[in-house]
């Protein structure tokens, strides 16, 4: 597990203890080897946070909010989110994805 995901999951734990939301998570790897964290809450909101590293070995985190249909499509495409825009796939910051999934306003 990428160390960034440990921090994200701890933040989700803090937020969901306040909101009483249930959040499930899964770890995946894209077809090109990038780690991905998938978050799903009981309302079926789905968030994806991916980590890539630039040439200076600095992390670049990106988040997505998505519908179930968009998640199914990108899952069949090896969790590739950059090839072309998908209907139901909204790019966002990881912090906004975490708050959205945790149902904290």
Protein backbone atom coordinates (compact mmCIF):
# COMPACT_ATOMS: atom_id res chain seq x y z
CA UNK A 1 0.00 0.00 0.00
CA UNK A 2 1.26 3.44 -0.88
CA UNK A 3 2.00 5.58 2.19
CA UNK A 4 -0.30 8.31 0.85
CA UNK A 5 -3.22 5.92 1.09
CA UNK A 6 -2.50 5.29 4.77
CA UNK A 7 -2.92 9.02 5.45
CA UNK A 8 -6.08 9.18 3.33
CA UNK A 9 -7.64 6.19 5.09
CA UNK A 10 -6.86 7.69 8.50
CA UNK A 11 -8.61 10.90 7.45
CA UNK A 12 -11.63 8.93 6.25
CA UNK A 13 -11.73 7.16 9.60
CA UNK A 14 -11.75 10.53 11.41
CA UNK A 15 -14.49 11.97 9.20
CA UNK A 16 -16.72 8.90 9.21
CA UNK A 17 -16.60 8.72 12.99
CA UNK A 18 -18.37 12.10 12.89
CA UNK A 19 -20.72 11.47 9.97
CA UNK A 20 -21.49 7.82 10.83
CA UNK A 21 -21.08 6.97 7.13
CA UNK A 22 -19.82 3.53 6.12
CA UNK A 23 -16.99 3.52 3.58
CA UNK A 24 -15.42 0.50 1.93
CA UNK A 25 -12.07 0.62 0.17
CA UNK A 26 -10.06 -1.44 -2.27
CA UNK A 27 -6.50 -1.18 -3.55
CA UNK A 28 -5.77 -1.72 -7.22
CA UNK A 29 -2.99 -1.13 -9.71
CA UNK A 30 -3.53 0.43 -13.13
CA UNK A 31 -2.32 -1.33 -16.26
CA UNK A 32 0.80 0.85 -16.16
CA UNK A 33 1.57 0.04 -12.51
CA UNK A 34 0.18 3.09 -10.68
CA UNK A 35 -1.48 2.44 -7.31
CA UNK A 36 -5.17 3.32 -7.00
CA UNK A 37 -7.47 3.54 -4.00
CA UNK A 38 -11.19 3.00 -4.67
CA UNK A 39 -13.66 4.25 -2.06
CA UNK A 40 -17.37 3.40 -1.94
CA UNK A 41 -19.92 4.56 0.61
CA UNK A 42 -23.27 2.99 1.49
CA UNK A 43 -25.04 5.50 -0.78
CA UNK A 44 -23.03 3.99 -3.67
CA UNK A 45 -20.92 7.10 -4.24
CA UNK A 46 -17.62 5.98 -5.73
CA UNK A 47 -14.32 7.81 -5.46
CA UNK A 48 -10.96 6.95 -6.92
CA UNK A 49 -7.60 8.36 -5.84
CA UNK A 50 -4.52 7.58 -7.87
CA UNK A 51 -0.84 8.20 -7.21
CA UNK A 52 1.86 8.67 -9.80
CA UNK A 53 5.41 9.89 -9.41
CA UNK A 54 7.07 12.45 -11.65
CA UNK A 55 10.68 12.32 -12.87
CA UNK A 56 11.87 13.92 -9.60
CA UNK A 57 10.13 11.09 -7.69
CA UNK A 58 7.57 13.54 -6.27
CA UNK A 59 4.02 12.25 -5.87
CA UNK A 60 1.10 13.52 -7.90
CA UNK A 61 -2.29 12.59 -6.47
CA UNK A 62 -5.49 12.88 -8.48
CA UNK A 63 -9.04 12.18 -7.44
CA UNK A 64 -12.24 11.30 -9.28
CA UNK A 65 -15.89 11.18 -8.29
CA UNK A 66 -17.87 8.77 -10.40
CA UNK A 67 -21.05 6.89 -11.06
CA UNK A 68 -21.26 3.11 -10.95
CA UNK A 69 -21.42 3.00 -14.75
CA UNK A 70 -18.22 5.06 -15.07
CA UNK A 71 -16.49 2.83 -12.52
CA UNK A 72 -17.51 -0.29 -14.45
CA UNK A 73 -16.14 1.21 -17.68
CA UNK A 74 -12.77 2.22 -16.25
CA UNK A 75 -12.45 -1.11 -14.42
CA UNK A 76 -12.75 -2.91 -17.75
CA UNK A 77 -10.13 -0.49 -19.15
CA UNK A 78 -7.59 -1.39 -16.43
CA UNK A 79 -8.55 1.61 -14.25
CA UNK A 80 -7.24 3.96 -16.92
CA UNK A 81 -8.78 7.41 -16.40
CA UNK A 82 -6.62 9.48 -18.73
CA UNK A 83 -7.31 8.05 -22.19
CA UNK A 84 -10.59 9.89 -22.82
CA UNK A 85 -13.24 11.53 -20.67
CA UNK A 86 -15.96 9.21 -19.44
CA UNK A 87 -19.56 10.15 -18.79
CA UNK A 88 -20.06 10.10 -15.04
CA UNK A 89 -16.35 10.62 -14.25
CA UNK A 90 -15.58 13.95 -12.58
CA UNK A 91 -11.98 14.93 -11.85
CA UNK A 92 -11.52 16.38 -8.35
CA UNK A 93 -8.94 16.86 -5.65
CA UNK A 94 -8.28 13.93 -3.32
CA UNK A 95 -9.43 16.05 -0.35
CA UNK A 96 -12.80 16.74 -2.00
CA UNK A 97 -13.23 13.05 -2.85
CA UNK A 98 -12.52 12.09 0.77
CA UNK A 99 -15.06 14.60 2.13
CA UNK A 100 -17.67 13.56 -0.47
CA UNK A 101 -17.28 9.85 0.28
CA UNK A 102 -17.32 10.51 4.03
CA UNK A 103 -20.49 12.64 3.63
CA UNK A 104 -19.00 15.57 5.50
CA UNK A 105 -19.96 19.06 4.34
